[in-house]
Amino acid sequence: DDIHPTFLVALISRRSRHRAGMRYKRRGVDKNGNVANYVET
């Protein structure tokens, strides 16, 4: 429509501070239920 001709698109990825690490060095879950390399997008 001529009044609002645009879409605003945002992509946000947040990596958890729990169980962060290198790919082959940090895997699985810990005793608190945190998983390795967890990302919310």
All heavy atoms as atom14 arrays in JSON, in Angstrom:
{
  "sequence": "DDIHPTFLVALISRRSRHRAGMRYKRRGVDKNGNVANYVET",
  "atom14_mask": [
    [1, 1, 1, 1, 1, 1, 1, 1, 0, 0, 0, 0, 0, 0],
    [1, 1, 1, 1, 1, 1, 1, 1, 0, 0, 0, 0, 0, 0],
    [1, 1, 1, 1, 1, 1, 1, 1, 0, 0, 0, 0, 0, 0],
    [1, 1, 1, 1, 1, 1, 1, 1, 1, 1, 0, 0, 0, 0],
    [1, 1, 1, 1, 1, 1, 1, 0, 0, 0, 0, 0, 0, 0],
    [1, 1, 1, 1, 1, 1, 1, 0, 0, 0, 0, 0, 0, 0],
    [1, 1, 1, 1, 1, 1, 1, 1, 1, 1, 1, 0, 0, 0],
    [1, 1, 1, 1, 1, 1, 1, 1, 0, 0, 0, 0, 0, 0],
    [1, 1, 1, 1, 1, 1, 1, 0, 0, 0, 0, 0, 0, 0],
    [1, 1, 1, 1, 1, 0, 0, 0, 0, 0, 0, 0, 0, 0],
    [1, 1, 1, 1, 1, 1, 1, 1, 0, 0, 0, 0, 0, 0],
    [1, 1, 1, 1, 1, 1, 1, 1, 0, 0, 0, 0, 0, 0],
    [1, 1, 1, 1, 1, 1, 0, 0, 0, 0, 0, 0, 0, 0],
    [1, 1, 1, 1, 1, 1, 1, 1, 1, 1, 1, 0, 0, 0],
    [1, 1, 1, 1, 1, 1, 1, 1, 1, 1, 1, 0, 0, 0],
    [1, 1, 1, 1, 1, 1, 0, 0, 0, 0, 0, 0, 0, 0],
    [1, 1, 1, 1, 1, 1, 1, 1, 1, 1, 1, 0, 0, 0],
    [1, 1, 1, 1, 1, 1, 1, 1, 1, 1, 0, 0, 0, 0],
    [1, 1, 1, 1, 1, 1, 1, 1, 1, 1, 1, 0, 0, 0],
    [1, 1, 1, 1, 1, 0, 0, 0, 0, 0, 0, 0, 0, 0],
    [1, 1, 1, 1, 0, 0, 0, 0, 0, 0, 0, 0, 0, 0],
    [1, 1, 1, 1, 1, 1, 1, 1, 0, 0, 0, 0, 0, 0],
    [1, 1, 1, 1, 1, 1, 1, 1, 1, 1, 1, 0, 0, 0],
    [1, 1, 1, 1, 1, 1, 1, 1, 1, 1, 1, 1, 0, 0],
    [1, 1, 1, 1, 1, 1, 1, 1, 1, 0, 0, 0, 0, 0],
    [1, 1, 1, 1, 1, 1, 1, 1, 1, 1, 1, 0, 0, 0],
    [1, 1, 1, 1, 1, 1, 1, 1, 1, 1, 1, 0, 0, 0],
    [1, 1, 1, 1, 0, 0, 0, 0, 0, 0, 0, 0, 0, 0],
    [1, 1, 1, 1, 1, 1, 1, 0, 0, 0, 0, 0, 0, 0],
    [1, 1, 1, 1, 1, 1, 1, 1, 0, 0, 0, 0, 0, 0],
    [1, 1, 1, 1, 1, 1, 1, 1, 1, 0, 0, 0, 0, 0],
    [1, 1, 1, 1, 1, 1, 1, 1, 0, 0, 0, 0, 0, 0],
    [1, 1, 1, 1, 0, 0, 0, 0, 0, 0, 0, 0, 0, 0],
    [1, 1, 1, 1, 1, 1, 1, 1, 0, 0, 0, 0, 0, 0],
    [1, 1, 1, 1, 1, 1, 1, 0, 0, 0, 0, 0, 0, 0],
    [1, 1, 1, 1, 1, 0, 0, 0, 0, 0, 0, 0, 0, 0],
    [1, 1, 1, 1, 1, 1, 1, 1, 0, 0, 0, 0, 0, 0],
    [1, 1, 1, 1, 1, 1, 1, 1, 1, 1, 1, 1, 0, 0],
    [1, 1, 1, 1, 1, 1, 1, 0, 0, 0, 0, 0, 0, 0],
    [1, 1, 1, 1, 1, 1, 1, 1, 1, 0, 0, 0, 0, 0],
    [1, 1, 1, 1, 1, 1, 1, 0, 0, 0, 0, 0, 0, 0]
  ],
  "atom14_positions": [
    [[0.86, -1.19, 0.0], [0.0, 0.0, 0.0], [0.89, 1.23, 0.0], [2.05, 1.19, 0.38], [-1.05, -0.07, 1.11], [-0.71, 0.55, 2.43], [0.04, 1.53, 2.46], [-1.23, 0.06, 3.44], [0.0, 0.0, 0.0], [0.0, 0.0, 0.0], [0.0, 0.0, 0.0], [0.0, 0.0, 0.0], [0.0, 0.0, 0.0], [0.0, 0.0, 0.0]],
    [[0.36, 2.31, -0.53], [1.2, 3.5, -0.75], [1.57, 4.21, 0.54], [2.52, 4.97, 0.57], [0.48, 4.47, -1.69], [0.34, 3.89, -3.08], [1.22, 3.09, -3.46], [-0.64, 4.22, -3.78], [0.0, 0.0, 0.0], [0.0, 0.0, 0.0], [0.0, 0.0, 0.0], [0.0, 0.0, 0.0], [0.0, 0.0, 0.0], [0.0, 0.0, 0.0]],
    [[0.82, 3.99, 1.61], [1.12, 4.67, 2.87], [2.27, 3.98, 3.59], [3.19, 4.62, 4.1], [-0.13, 4.7, 3.77], [-1.24, 5.47, 3.07], [0.19, 5.31, 5.12], [-2.59, 5.35, 3.72], [0.0, 0.0, 0.0], [0.0, 0.0, 0.0], [0.0, 0.0, 0.0], [0.0, 0.0, 0.0], [0.0, 0.0, 0.0], [0.0, 0.0, 0.0]],
    [[2.26, 2.64, 3.65], [3.31, 1.86, 4.31], [3.87, 0.83, 3.33], [3.54, -0.34, 3.4], [2.76, 1.15, 5.55], [2.18, 2.07, 6.57], [2.97, 2.85, 7.37], [0.9, 2.34, 6.91], [2.2, 3.57, 8.17], [0.94, 3.28, 7.91], [0.0, 0.0, 0.0], [0.0, 0.0, 0.0], [0.0, 0.0, 0.0], [0.0, 0.0, 0.0]],
    [[4.72, 1.26, 2.39], [5.17, 0.33, 1.35], [6.31, -0.6, 1.78], [6.78, -1.38, 0.98], [5.65, 1.25, 0.24], [6.13, 2.47, 0.97], [5.23, 2.61, 2.16], [0.0, 0.0, 0.0], [0.0, 0.0, 0.0], [0.0, 0.0, 0.0], [0.0, 0.0, 0.0], [0.0, 0.0, 0.0], [0.0, 0.0, 0.0], [0.0, 0.0, 0.0]],
    [[6.75, -0.54, 3.03], [7.91, -1.35, 3.42], [7.58, -2.3, 4.56], [6.68, -2.08, 5.36], [9.08, -0.45, 3.88], [8.67, 0.29, 5.0], [9.53, 0.46, 2.76], [0.0, 0.0, 0.0], [0.0, 0.0, 0.0], [0.0, 0.0, 0.0], [0.0, 0.0, 0.0], [0.0, 0.0, 0.0], [0.0, 0.0, 0.0], [0.0, 0.0, 0.0]],
    [[8.35, -3.38, 4.58], [8.36, -4.33, 5.69], [9.69, -4.11, 6.41], [10.73, -3.99, 5.77], [8.36, -5.78, 5.19], [7.08, -6.21, 4.57], [6.76, -5.88, 3.27], [6.19, -7.0, 5.28], [5.59, -6.3, 2.69], [5.01, -7.43, 4.72], [4.71, -7.08, 3.42], [0.0, 0.0, 0.0], [0.0, 0.0, 0.0], [0.0, 0.0, 0.0]],
    [[9.65, -4.07, 7.7], [10.87, -4.02, 8.48], [11.14, -5.43, 8.99], [10.28, -6.02, 9.64], [10.73, -3.04, 9.65], [12.01, -2.69, 10.4], [12.98, -1.98, 9.47], [11.69, -1.81, 11.59], [0.0, 0.0, 0.0], [0.0, 0.0, 0.0], [0.0, 0.0, 0.0], [0.0, 0.0, 0.0], [0.0, 0.0, 0.0], [0.0, 0.0, 0.0]],
    [[12.27, -6.0, 8.63], [12.62, -7.37, 9.01], [13.87, -7.34, 9.89], [14.87, -6.71, 9.52], [12.87, -8.24, 7.76], [13.27, -9.65, 8.16], [11.64, -8.27, 6.87], [0.0, 0.0, 0.0], [0.0, 0.0, 0.0], [0.0, 0.0, 0.0], [0.0, 0.0, 0.0], [0.0, 0.0, 0.0], [0.0, 0.0, 0.0], [0.0, 0.0, 0.0]],
    [[13.78, -8.0, 11.03], [14.92, -8.08, 11.94], [15.23, -9.53, 12.23], [14.32, -10.35, 12.39], [14.62, -7.34, 13.24], [0.0, 0.0, 0.0], [0.0, 0.0, 0.0], [0.0, 0.0, 0.0], [0.0, 0.0, 0.0], [0.0, 0.0, 0.0], [0.0, 0.0, 0.0], [0.0, 0.0, 0.0], [0.0, 0.0, 0.0], [0.0, 0.0, 0.0]],
    [[16.5, -9.85, 12.27], [16.96, -11.18, 12.63], [17.92, -11.02, 13.81], [18.91, -10.29, 13.71], [17.67, -11.84, 11.45], [18.0, -13.31, 11.59], [16.72, -14.14, 11.69], [18.84, -13.78, 10.42], [0.0, 0.0, 0.0], [0.0, 0.0, 0.0], [0.0, 0.0, 0.0], [0.0, 0.0, 0.0], [0.0, 0.0, 0.0], [0.0, 0.0, 0.0]],
    [[17.59, -11.65, 14.92], [18.39, -11.53, 16.14], [18.73, -12.93, 16.64], [17.83, -13.73, 16.9], [17.62, -10.77, 17.25], [17.16, -9.41, 16.74], [18.47, -10.64, 18.5], [16.13, -8.75, 17.63], [0.0, 0.0, 0.0], [0.0, 0.0, 0.0], [0.0, 0.0, 0.0], [0.0, 0.0, 0.0], [0.0, 0.0, 0.0], [0.0, 0.0, 0.0]],
    [[19.99, -13.23, 16.75], [20.44, -14.51, 17.31], [21.19, -14.23, 18.6], [22.09, -13.38, 18.63], [21.35, -15.26, 16.34], [20.59, -15.77, 15.27], [0.0, 0.0, 0.0], [0.0, 0.0, 0.0], [0.0, 0.0, 0.0], [0.0, 0.0, 0.0], [0.0, 0.0, 0.0], [0.0, 0.0, 0.0], [0.0, 0.0, 0.0], [0.0, 0.0, 0.0]],
    [[20.82, -14.96, 19.64], [21.45, -14.79, 20.96], [22.01, -16.15, 21.4], [21.27, -17.12, 21.47], [20.43, -14.28, 21.97], [19.85, -12.95, 21.62], [18.68, -12.59, 22.52], [17.46, -13.28, 22.12], [16.51, -12.75, 21.36], [16.66, -11.54, 20.89], [15.42, -13.42, 21.07], [0.0, 0.0, 0.0], [0.0, 0.0, 0.0], [0.0, 0.0, 0.0]],
    [[23.29, -16.17, 21.7], [23.93, -17.4, 22.16], [23.94, -17.41, 23.67], [24.28, -16.42, 24.31], [25.35, -17.47, 21.62], [26.02, -18.79, 21.94], [27.36, -18.87, 21.26], [27.95, -20.17, 21.53], [29.2, -20.47, 21.29], [30.0, -19.57, 20.76], [29.66, -21.65, 21.57], [0.0, 0.0, 0.0], [0.0, 0.0, 0.0], [0.0, 0.0, 0.0]],
    [[23.59, -18.55, 24.25], [23.57, -18.68, 25.7], [24.98, -18.64, 26.26], [25.93, -19.14, 25.66], [22.9, -20.0, 26.08], [23.01, -20.23, 27.47], [0.0, 0.0, 0.0], [0.0, 0.0, 0.0], [0.0, 0.0, 0.0], [0.0, 0.0, 0.0], [0.0, 0.0, 0.0], [0.0, 0.0, 0.0], [0.0, 0.0, 0.0], [0.0, 0.0, 0.0]],
    [[25.1, -18.09, 27.45], [26.4, -18.07, 28.13], [26.67, -19.4, 28.83], [27.78, -19.68, 29.25], [26.46, -16.93, 29.13], [25.57, -17.1, 30.34], [25.61, -15.88, 31.24], [24.99, -16.12, 32.5], [23.69, -16.13, 32.73], [22.85, -15.91, 31.74], [23.21, -16.35, 33.93], [0.0, 0.0, 0.0], [0.0, 0.0, 0.0], [0.0, 0.0, 0.0]],
    [[25.63, -20.24, 28.97], [25.79, -21.54, 29.62], [26.3, -22.57, 28.6], [25.73, -22.7, 27.52], [24.46, -22.03, 30.19], [23.84, -21.07, 31.14], [24.34, -20.84, 32.4], [22.77, -20.25, 31.02], [23.59, -19.94, 33.01], [22.64, -19.56, 32.19], [0.0, 0.0, 0.0], [0.0, 0.0, 0.0], [0.0, 0.0, 0.0], [0.0, 0.0, 0.0]],
    [[27.33, -23.26, 28.92], [27.9, -24.34, 28.11], [28.35, -23.89, 26.72], [28.26, -24.62, 25.75], [26.94, -25.52, 28.0], [26.8, -26.21, 29.32], [26.2, -27.59, 29.3], [26.76, -28.57, 28.4], [27.9, -29.23, 28.59], [28.65, -28.99, 29.63], [28.3, -30.15, 27.74], [0.0, 0.0, 0.0], [0.0, 0.0, 0.0], [0.0, 0.0, 0.0]],
    [[28.84, -22.66, 26.61], [29.41, -22.21, 25.35], [30.78, -22.87, 25.2], [31.43, -23.2, 26.18], [29.55, -20.7, 25.35], [0.0, 0.0, 0.0], [0.0, 0.0, 0.0], [0.0, 0.0, 0.0], [0.0, 0.0, 0.0], [0.0, 0.0, 0.0], [0.0, 0.0, 0.0], [0.0, 0.0, 0.0], [0.0, 0.0, 0.0], [0.0, 0.0, 0.0]],
    [[31.18, -23.09, 24.0], [32.5, -23.69, 23.78], [32.71, -24.08, 22.34], [31.83, -23.94, 21.5], [0.0, 0.0, 0.0], [0.0, 0.0, 0.0], [0.0, 0.0, 0.0], [0.0, 0.0, 0.0], [0.0, 0.0, 0.0], [0.0, 0.0, 0.0], [0.0, 0.0, 0.0], [0.0, 0.0, 0.0], [0.0, 0.0, 0.0], [0.0, 0.0, 0.0]],
    [[33.9, -24.61, 22.07], [34.22, -25.06, 20.72], [33.36, -26.27, 20.36], [33.01, -27.07, 21.22], [35.7, -25.43, 20.63], [36.6, -24.23, 20.72], [38.37, -24.62, 20.79], [38.55, -26.04, 19.78], [0.0, 0.0, 0.0], [0.0, 0.0, 0.0], [0.0, 0.0, 0.0], [0.0, 0.0, 0.0], [0.0, 0.0, 0.0], [0.0, 0.0, 0.0]],
    [[33.07, -26.4, 19.09], [32.12, -27.4, 18.61], [32.41, -28.82, 19.08], [31.54, -29.49, 19.6], [32.09, -27.35, 17.08], [31.07, -28.29, 16.51], [30.88, -28.03, 15.05], [29.94, -29.0, 14.54], [30.01, -29.53, 13.35], [30.96, -29.16, 12.53], [29.13, -30.4, 12.95], [0.0, 0.0, 0.0], [0.0, 0.0, 0.0], [0.0, 0.0, 0.0]],
    [[33.61, -29.31, 18.9], [33.91, -30.7, 19.3], [34.34, -30.83, 20.75], [34.53, -31.93, 21.24], [34.96, -31.31, 18.38], [34.42, -31.58, 16.99], [34.97, -30.96, 15.88], [33.34, -32.43, 16.81], [34.47, -31.2, 14.61], [32.82, -32.66, 15.55], [33.4, -32.05, 14.45], [32.89, -32.28, 13.21], [0.0, 0.0, 0.0], [0.0, 0.0, 0.0]],
    [[34.47, -29.71, 21.44], [34.91, -29.76, 22.84], [33.74, -29.66, 23.81], [33.87, -30.02, 24.98], [35.9, -28.62, 23.12], [37.2, -28.8, 22.4], [37.87, -30.05, 22.9], [39.14, -30.35, 22.18], [39.68, -31.63, 22.58], [0.0, 0.0, 0.0], [0.0, 0.0, 0.0], [0.0, 0.0, 0.0], [0.0, 0.0, 0.0], [0.0, 0.0, 0.0]],
    [[32.62, -29.13, 23.39], [31.48, -28.93, 24.29], [30.25, -29.54, 23.62], [29.8, -29.06, 22.6], [31.28, -27.44, 24.52], [30.19, -27.12, 25.48], [30.54, -27.38, 26.91], [31.59, -26.44, 27.3], [32.26, -26.54, 28.41], [32.01, -27.49, 29.26], [33.21, -25.68, 28.69], [0.0, 0.0, 0.0], [0.0, 0.0, 0.0], [0.0, 0.0, 0.0]],
    [[29.72, -30.6, 24.22], [28.57, -31.32, 23.67], [27.59, -31.65, 24.78], [27.93, -31.67, 25.96], [29.02, -32.63, 23.02], [29.94, -32.47, 21.83], [29.23, -31.82, 20.7], [29.88, -32.15, 19.44], [29.47, -31.71, 18.29], [28.44, -30.93, 18.21], [30.1, -32.04, 17.18], [0.0, 0.0, 0.0], [0.0, 0.0, 0.0], [0.0, 0.0, 0.0]],
    [[26.36, -31.95, 24.39], [25.37, -32.5, 25.31], [24.81, -31.52, 26.33], [24.79, -30.31, 26.13], [0.0, 0.0, 0.0], [0.0, 0.0, 0.0], [0.0, 0.0, 0.0], [0.0, 0.0, 0.0], [0.0, 0.0, 0.0], [0.0, 0.0, 0.0], [0.0, 0.0, 0.0], [0.0, 0.0, 0.0], [0.0, 0.0, 0.0], [0.0, 0.0, 0.0]],
    [[24.34, -32.09, 27.43], [23.63, -31.35, 28.48], [24.47, -31.37, 29.76], [25.3, -32.25, 29.95], [22.23, -32.0, 28.71], [22.35, -33.37, 29.34], [21.3, -31.13, 29.5], [0.0, 0.0, 0.0], [0.0, 0.0, 0.0], [0.0, 0.0, 0.0], [0.0, 0.0, 0.0], [0.0, 0.0, 0.0], [0.0, 0.0, 0.0], [0.0, 0.0, 0.0]],
    [[24.24, -30.39, 30.64], [24.9, -30.41, 31.94], [23.88, -30.77, 33.02], [22.7, -30.97, 32.75], [25.63, -29.09, 32.23], [24.7, -27.91, 32.45], [23.47, -28.09, 32.57], [25.21, -26.77, 32.49], [0.0, 0.0, 0.0], [0.0, 0.0, 0.0], [0.0, 0.0, 0.0], [0.0, 0.0, 0.0], [0.0, 0.0, 0.0], [0.0, 0.0, 0.0]],
    [[24.32, -30.79, 34.28], [23.45, -31.22, 35.38], [22.29, -30.27, 35.64], [21.32, -30.64, 36.29], [24.27, -31.41, 36.66], [24.91, -30.14, 37.17], [25.75, -30.4, 38.41], [26.59, -29.22, 38.76], [26.15, -28.39, 39.76], [0.0, 0.0, 0.0], [0.0, 0.0, 0.0], [0.0, 0.0, 0.0], [0.0, 0.0, 0.0], [0.0, 0.0, 0.0]],
    [[22.35, -29.04, 35.08], [21.27, -28.07, 35.25], [20.3, -28.03, 34.07], [19.37, -27.23, 34.06], [21.85, -26.67, 35.47], [22.68, -26.61, 36.73], [22.3, -27.14, 37.76], [23.84, -25.98, 36.63], [0.0, 0.0, 0.0], [0.0, 0.0, 0.0], [0.0, 0.0, 0.0], [0.0, 0.0, 0.0], [0.0, 0.0, 0.0], [0.0, 0.0, 0.0]],
    [[20.55, -28.86, 33.06], [19.68, -28.88, 31.89], [20.09, -27.93, 30.78], [19.37, -27.78, 29.8], [0.0, 0.0, 0.0], [0.0, 0.0, 0.0], [0.0, 0.0, 0.0], [0.0, 0.0, 0.0], [0.0, 0.0, 0.0], [0.0, 0.0, 0.0], [0.0, 0.0, 0.0], [0.0, 0.0, 0.0], [0.0, 0.0, 0.0], [0.0, 0.0, 0.0]],
    [[21.26, -27.28, 30.91], [21.75, -26.41, 29.85], [22.44, -27.24, 28.78], [23.24, -28.12, 29.1], [22.76, -25.4, 30.41], [22.15, -24.52, 31.46], [21.14, -23.88, 31.23], [22.76, -24.5, 32.63], [0.0, 0.0, 0.0], [0.0, 0.0, 0.0], [0.0, 0.0, 0.0], [0.0, 0.0, 0.0], [0.0, 0.0, 0.0], [0.0, 0.0, 0.0]],
    [[22.14, -26.96, 27.5], [22.79, -27.7, 26.43], [23.91, -26.87, 25.82], [23.88, -25.64, 25.87], [21.79, -28.13, 25.32], [20.77, -29.11, 25.86], [21.13, -26.95, 24.66], [0.0, 0.0, 0.0], [0.0, 0.0, 0.0], [0.0, 0.0, 0.0], [0.0, 0.0, 0.0], [0.0, 0.0, 0.0], [0.0, 0.0, 0.0], [0.0, 0.0, 0.0]],
    [[24.87, -27.55, 25.26], [26.03, -26.89, 24.66], [25.61, -26.09, 23.43], [24.72, -26.5, 22.68], [27.08, -27.94, 24.27], [0.0, 0.0, 0.0], [0.0, 0.0, 0.0], [0.0, 0.0, 0.0], [0.0, 0.0, 0.0], [0.0, 0.0, 0.0], [0.0, 0.0, 0.0], [0.0, 0.0, 0.0], [0.0, 0.0, 0.0], [0.0, 0.0, 0.0]],
    [[26.26, -24.96, 23.27], [26.11, -24.12, 22.07], [24.66, -23.81, 21.72], [24.25, -23.88, 20.57], [26.86, -24.76, 20.9], [28.34, -24.88, 21.22], [28.98, -23.91, 21.59], [28.87, -26.07, 21.13], [0.0, 0.0, 0.0], [0.0, 0.0, 0.0], [0.0, 0.0, 0.0], [0.0, 0.0, 0.0], [0.0, 0.0, 0.0], [0.0, 0.0, 0.0]],
    [[23.9, -23.44, 22.73], [22.49, -23.11, 22.58], [22.33, -21.71, 21.99], [22.97, -20.76, 22.45], [21.81, -23.17, 23.95], [20.35, -22.86, 23.95], [19.41, -23.84, 23.69], [19.9, -21.57, 24.2], [18.05, -23.55, 23.7], [18.54, -21.27, 24.21], [17.63, -22.27, 23.96], [16.29, -21.98, 23.96], [0.0, 0.0, 0.0], [0.0, 0.0, 0.0]],
    [[21.5, -21.59, 20.96], [21.26, -20.3, 20.31], [19.75, -20.13, 20.11], [19.07, -21.04, 19.64], [21.96, -20.21, 18.94], [21.65, -18.89, 18.24], [23.47, -20.38, 19.09], [0.0, 0.0, 0.0], [0.0, 0.0, 0.0], [0.0, 0.0, 0.0], [0.0, 0.0, 0.0], [0.0, 0.0, 0.0], [0.0, 0.0, 0.0], [0.0, 0.0, 0.0]],
    [[19.25, -18.95, 20.45], [17.87, -18.59, 20.17], [17.89, -17.56, 19.05], [18.59, -16.55, 19.15], [17.22, -17.97, 21.41], [15.81, -17.47, 21.16], [15.3, -16.57, 22.27], [15.77, -15.41, 22.36], [14.46, -17.04, 23.03], [0.0, 0.0, 0.0], [0.0, 0.0, 0.0], [0.0, 0.0, 0.0], [0.0, 0.0, 0.0], [0.0, 0.0, 0.0]],
    [[17.17, -17.84, 17.96], [17.09, -16.91, 16.84], [15.65, -16.45, 16.68], [14.74, -17.27, 16.61], [17.59, -17.58, 15.53], [18.95, -17.96, 15.71], [17.49, -16.61, 14.36], [0.0, 0.0, 0.0], [0.0, 0.0, 0.0], [0.0, 0.0, 0.0], [0.0, 0.0, 0.0], [0.0, 0.0, 0.0], [0.0, 0.0, 0.0], [0.0, 0.0, 0.0]]
  ]
}
